[in-house]
Amino acid sequence: MLKTHRPRTFAVRLDSRTESTPLARYLLRAYLSALPTGDRYTDIAELLLSELFANAVQHSDAPTDRLIEIRFALVNSRLRLEVHDAGSESPTLRSTSPDDEHGRGLFLVNELAERWGCCPRAGGIGKFVWALVAPSLSPAAVPALAV
């Protein structure tokens, strides 16, 4: 009898530096490439992971030598992204003006994720921010527009 296996959670700790963001995206792409429908999550998931990771680096009040942990898992056809850091401040959605050059990261997360939130970490040190990504329609599933 053929058994199917649910993909496991992938977790890794990275340096708390903006230079770690491309590595986080690379690891996410590698994880998704091993899934039969992983390409249906890639674009939005990479953007959301980048924003969440950048927020953890830029806004955490944790010492700079603390690592940031990222986790990915497929749960009921939704990709769950988590970014763990040792900071105590929860992220807050804020309004921005059209001239602001920064501050839109959580706005993007709020608009593109199916759901997102922030929870305290086990052990009481820090928090993790999570986002659920719904699969996008595959190009073959989108009807061609008549011209």
C-alpha atoms as a PDB file:
ATOM      1  CA  MET A   1       0.000   0.000   0.000  1.00  0.00           C
ATOM      2  CA  LEU A   2       1.321   3.420  -0.969  1.00  0.00           C
ATOM      3  CA  LYS A   3       1.761   5.773   1.955  1.00  0.00           C
ATOM      4  CA  THR A   4       1.758   9.511   1.683  1.00  0.00           C
ATOM      5  CA  HIS A   5       3.740  11.556   4.124  1.00  0.00           C
ATOM      6  CA  ARG A   6       2.857  15.001   5.295  1.00  0.00           C
ATOM      7  CA  PRO A   7       5.829  17.327   4.958  1.00  0.00           C
ATOM      8  CA  ARG A   8       7.544  18.036   8.196  1.00  0.00           C
ATOM      9  CA  THR A   9       8.164  21.380   9.733  1.00  0.00           C
ATOM     10  CA  PHE A  10      11.410  22.967   8.658  1.00  0.00           C
ATOM     11  CA  ALA A  11      13.170  25.106  11.266  1.00  0.00           C
ATOM     12  CA  VAL A  12      16.517  26.878  11.286  1.00  0.00           C
ATOM     13  CA  ARG A  13      18.144  29.707  13.233  1.00  0.00           C
ATOM     14  CA  LEU A  14      19.825  32.556  11.409  1.00  0.00           C
ATOM     15  CA  ASP A  15      21.899  35.541  12.450  1.00  0.00           C
ATOM     16  CA  SER A  16      19.859  38.600  13.339  1.00  0.00           C
ATOM     17  CA  ARG A  17      21.153  40.639  10.387  1.00  0.00           C
ATOM     18  CA  THR A  18      19.503  42.002   7.272  1.00  0.00           C
ATOM     19  CA  GLU A  19      22.068  40.015   5.267  1.00  0.00           C
ATOM     20  CA  SER A  20      20.334  36.814   6.469  1.00  0.00           C
ATOM     21  CA  THR A  21      17.090  37.662   4.662  1.00  0.00           C
ATOM     22  CA  PRO A  22      18.173  36.244   1.255  1.00  0.00           C
ATOM     23  CA  LEU A  23      19.222  33.016   2.978  1.00  0.00           C
ATOM     24  CA  ALA A  24      15.809  32.770   4.651  1.00  0.00           C
ATOM     25  CA  ARG A  25      14.122  33.153   1.241  1.00  0.00           C
ATOM     26  CA  TYR A  26      16.469  30.579  -0.313  1.00  0.00           C
ATOM     27  CA  LEU A  27      15.614  28.049   2.408  1.00  0.00           C
ATOM     28  CA  LEU A  28      11.904  28.683   1.883  1.00  0.00           C
ATOM     29  CA  ARG A  29      12.246  28.134  -1.879  1.00  0.00           C
ATOM     30  CA  ALA A  30      14.130  24.882  -1.231  1.00  0.00           C
ATOM     31  CA  TYR A  31      11.410  23.703   1.165  1.00  0.00           C
ATOM     32  CA  LEU A  32       8.644  24.573  -1.296  1.00  0.00           C
ATOM     33  CA  SER A  33      10.440  22.965  -4.245  1.00  0.00           C
ATOM     34  CA  ALA A  34      10.174  19.616  -2.450  1.00  0.00           C
ATOM     35  CA  LEU A  35       6.376  19.906  -2.259  1.00  0.00           C
ATOM     36  CA  PRO A  36       4.213  18.793  -5.189  1.00  0.00           C
ATOM     37  CA  THR A  37       2.295  22.098  -5.145  1.00  0.00           C
ATOM     38  CA  GLY A  38       4.987  24.263  -3.572  1.00  0.00           C
ATOM     39  CA  ASP A  39       5.087  26.629  -6.543  1.00  0.00           C
ATOM     40  CA  ARG A  40       1.562  27.771  -5.632  1.00  0.00           C
ATOM     41  CA  TYR A  41       2.918  29.446  -2.470  1.00  0.00           C
ATOM     42  CA  THR A  42       6.334  30.743  -3.517  1.00  0.00           C
ATOM     43  CA  ASP A  43       5.790  34.362  -4.549  1.00  0.00           C
ATOM     44  CA  ILE A  44       3.585  35.482  -1.661  1.00  0.00           C
ATOM     45  CA  ALA A  45       5.416  33.337   0.887  1.00  0.00           C
ATOM     46  CA  GLU A  46       8.806  34.808  -0.042  1.00  0.00           C
ATOM     47  CA  LEU A  47       7.504  38.341   0.277  1.00  0.00           C
ATOM     48  CA  LEU A  48       5.841  37.662   3.631  1.00  0.00           C
ATOM     49  CA  LEU A  49       8.873  35.868   5.022  1.00  0.00           C
ATOM     50  CA  SER A  50      11.104  38.751   3.939  1.00  0.00           C
ATOM     51  CA  GLU A  51       8.873  41.272   5.691  1.00  0.00           C
ATOM     52  CA  LEU A  52       8.549  39.253   8.887  1.00  0.00           C
ATOM     53  CA  PHE A  53      12.279  38.539   9.027  1.00  0.00           C
ATOM     54  CA  ALA A  54      13.166  42.186   8.365  1.00  0.00           C
ATOM     55  CA  ASN A  55      10.803  43.277  11.144  1.00  0.00           C
ATOM     56  CA  ALA A  56      12.453  40.848  13.563  1.00  0.00           C
ATOM     57  CA  VAL A  57      15.884  42.243  12.696  1.00  0.00           C
ATOM     58  CA  GLN A  58      14.976  45.926  12.675  1.00  0.00           C
ATOM     59  CA  HIS A  59      12.452  46.231  15.473  1.00  0.00           C
ATOM     60  CA  SER A  60      13.448  43.641  18.054  1.00  0.00           C
ATOM     61  CA  ASP A  61      14.687  44.897  21.402  1.00  0.00           C
ATOM     62  CA  ALA A  62      16.647  41.639  21.874  1.00  0.00           C
ATOM     63  CA  PRO A  63      20.451  41.703  22.057  1.00  0.00           C
ATOM     64  CA  THR A  64      21.985  41.636  18.570  1.00  0.00           C
ATOM     65  CA  ASP A  65      23.732  38.321  19.221  1.00  0.00           C
ATOM     66  CA  ARG A  66      20.376  36.507  19.531  1.00  0.00           C
ATOM     67  CA  LEU A  67      19.395  34.322  16.596  1.00  0.00           C
ATOM     68  CA  ILE A  68      16.130  34.497  14.690  1.00  0.00           C
ATOM     69  CA  GLU A  69      14.386  31.205  14.048  1.00  0.00           C
ATOM     70  CA  ILE A  70      12.263  30.627  10.971  1.00  0.00           C
ATOM     71  CA  ARG A  71       9.824  27.739  10.556  1.00  0.00           C
ATOM     72  CA  PHE A  72       7.760  26.515   7.624  1.00  0.00           C
ATOM     73  CA  ALA A  73       5.066  23.848   7.565  1.00  0.00           C
ATOM     74  CA  LEU A  74       2.203  22.880   5.306  1.00  0.00           C
ATOM     75  CA  VAL A  75      -0.951  22.635   7.423  1.00  0.00           C
ATOM     76  CA  ASN A  76      -4.269  21.721   5.788  1.00  0.00           C
ATOM     77  CA  SER A  77      -3.196  23.128   2.394  1.00  0.00           C
ATOM     78  CA  ARG A  78      -1.990  26.364   3.986  1.00  0.00           C
ATOM     79  CA  LEU A  79       1.664  27.259   4.308  1.00  0.00           C
ATOM     80  CA  ARG A  80       2.444  28.384   7.842  1.00  0.00           C
ATOM     81  CA  LEU A  81       5.402  30.736   8.196  1.00  0.00           C
ATOM     82  CA  GLU A  82       6.820  31.601  11.606  1.00  0.00           C
ATOM     83  CA  VAL A  83       9.570  34.007  12.608  1.00  0.00           C
ATOM     84  CA  HIS A  84      10.768  33.699  16.210  1.00  0.00           C
ATOM     85  CA  ASP A  85      12.856  36.309  17.997  1.00  0.00           C
ATOM     86  CA  ALA A  86      13.815  37.127  21.587  1.00  0.00           C
ATOM     87  CA  GLY A  87      12.252  40.600  21.516  1.00  0.00           C
ATOM     88  CA  SER A  88       9.389  41.547  23.784  1.00  0.00           C
ATOM     89  CA  GLU A  89       7.543  44.031  21.552  1.00  0.00           C
ATOM     90  CA  SER A  90       4.607  42.721  19.510  1.00  0.00           C
ATOM     91  CA  PRO A  91       4.321  44.069  15.965  1.00  0.00           C
ATOM     92  CA  THR A  92       1.545  46.551  15.351  1.00  0.00           C
ATOM     93  CA  LEU A  93      -0.110  47.538  12.130  1.00  0.00           C
ATOM     94  CA  ARG A  94       0.304  51.271  11.625  1.00  0.00           C
ATOM     95  CA  SER A  95      -0.933  53.714   9.070  1.00  0.00           C
ATOM     96  CA  THR A  96       1.509  55.292   6.648  1.00  0.00           C
ATOM     97  CA  SER A  97       1.353  58.224   4.320  1.00  0.00           C
ATOM     98  CA  PRO A  98       2.125  57.937   0.594  1.00  0.00           C
ATOM     99  CA  ASP A  99       5.453  59.723   1.171  1.00  0.00           C
ATOM    100  CA  ASP A 100       6.710  57.258   3.820  1.00  0.00           C
ATOM    101  CA  GLU A 101       9.648  55.182   2.602  1.00  0.00           C
ATOM    102  CA  HIS A 102       9.265  52.541   5.336  1.00  0.00           C
ATOM    103  CA  GLY A 103       6.550  51.044   7.495  1.00  0.00           C
ATOM    104  CA  ARG A 104       4.505  49.044   5.005  1.00  0.00           C
ATOM    105  CA  GLY A 105       5.756  45.558   5.903  1.00  0.00           C
ATOM    106  CA  LEU A 106       2.930  44.560   8.207  1.00  0.00           C
ATOM    107  CA  PHE A 107       0.449  46.200   5.859  1.00  0.00           C
ATOM    108  CA  LEU A 108       1.638  43.776   3.157  1.00  0.00           C
ATOM    109  CA  VAL A 109       1.456  40.864   5.578  1.00  0.00           C
ATOM    110  CA  ASN A 110      -2.063  41.898   6.587  1.00  0.00           C
ATOM    111  CA  GLU A 111      -3.190  42.185   2.958  1.00  0.00           C
ATOM    112  CA  LEU A 112      -1.523  39.073   1.511  1.00  0.00           C
ATOM    113  CA  ALA A 113      -1.690  36.527   4.324  1.00  0.00           C
ATOM    114  CA  GLU A 114      -4.888  34.614   4.863  1.00  0.00           C
ATOM    115  CA  ARG A 115      -4.365  35.256   8.590  1.00  0.00           C
ATOM    116  CA  TRP A 116      -1.460  36.336  10.754  1.00  0.00           C
ATOM    117  CA  GLY A 117      -0.727  36.924  14.407  1.00  0.00           C
ATOM    118  CA  CYS A 118       1.820  37.138  17.180  1.00  0.00           C
ATOM    119  CA  CYS A 119       2.247  34.804  20.160  1.00  0.00           C
ATOM    120  CA  PRO A 120       4.640  34.567  23.097  1.00  0.00           C
ATOM    121  CA  ARG A 121       7.321  31.892  22.763  1.00  0.00           C
ATOM    122  CA  ALA A 122       7.396  28.876  25.040  1.00  0.00           C
ATOM    123  CA  GLY A 123       9.622  29.593  28.013  1.00  0.00           C
ATOM    124  CA  GLY A 124       8.550  33.210  28.156  1.00  0.00           C
ATOM    125  CA  ILE A 125      11.442  34.764  26.198  1.00  0.00           C
ATOM    126  CA  GLY A 126      10.424  36.566  23.049  1.00  0.00           C
ATOM    127  CA  LYS A 127       7.639  36.025  20.587  1.00  0.00           C
ATOM    128  CA  PHE A 128       6.875  34.590  17.198  1.00  0.00           C
ATOM    129  CA  VAL A 129       4.926  36.104  14.357  1.00  0.00           C
ATOM    130  CA  TRP A 130       3.079  33.684  12.111  1.00  0.00           C
ATOM    131  CA  ALA A 131       1.288  33.979   8.784  1.00  0.00           C
ATOM    132  CA  LEU A 132      -0.855  31.547   6.813  1.00  0.00           C
ATOM    133  CA  VAL A 133      -0.475  31.583   3.049  1.00  0.00           C
ATOM    134  CA  ALA A 134      -3.222  30.156   0.869  1.00  0.00           C
ATOM    135  CA  PRO A 135      -2.194  28.498  -2.395  1.00  0.00           C
ATOM    136  CA  SER A 136      -2.527  30.681  -5.457  1.00  0.00           C
ATOM    137  CA  LEU A 137      -4.221  29.422  -8.577  1.00  0.00           C
ATOM    138  CA  SER A 138      -1.885  27.638 -10.902  1.00  0.00           C
ATOM    139  CA  PRO A 139      -1.523  29.278 -14.334  1.00  0.00           C
ATOM    140  CA  ALA A 140      -3.277  26.304 -15.945  1.00  0.00           C
ATOM    141  CA  ALA A 141      -6.319  26.844 -13.702  1.00  0.00           C
ATOM    142  CA  VAL A 142      -6.778  30.463 -14.764  1.00  0.00           C
ATOM    143  CA  PRO A 143      -9.005  30.727 -17.839  1.00  0.00           C
ATOM    144  CA  ALA A 144      -7.506  32.492 -20.831  1.00  0.00           C
ATOM    145  CA  LEU A 145      -8.966  35.900 -21.553  1.00  0.00           C
ATOM    146  CA  ALA A 146     -10.571  36.327 -24.940  1.00  0.00           C
ATOM    147  CA  VAL A 147      -9.074  39.153 -26.944  1.00  0.00           C
END
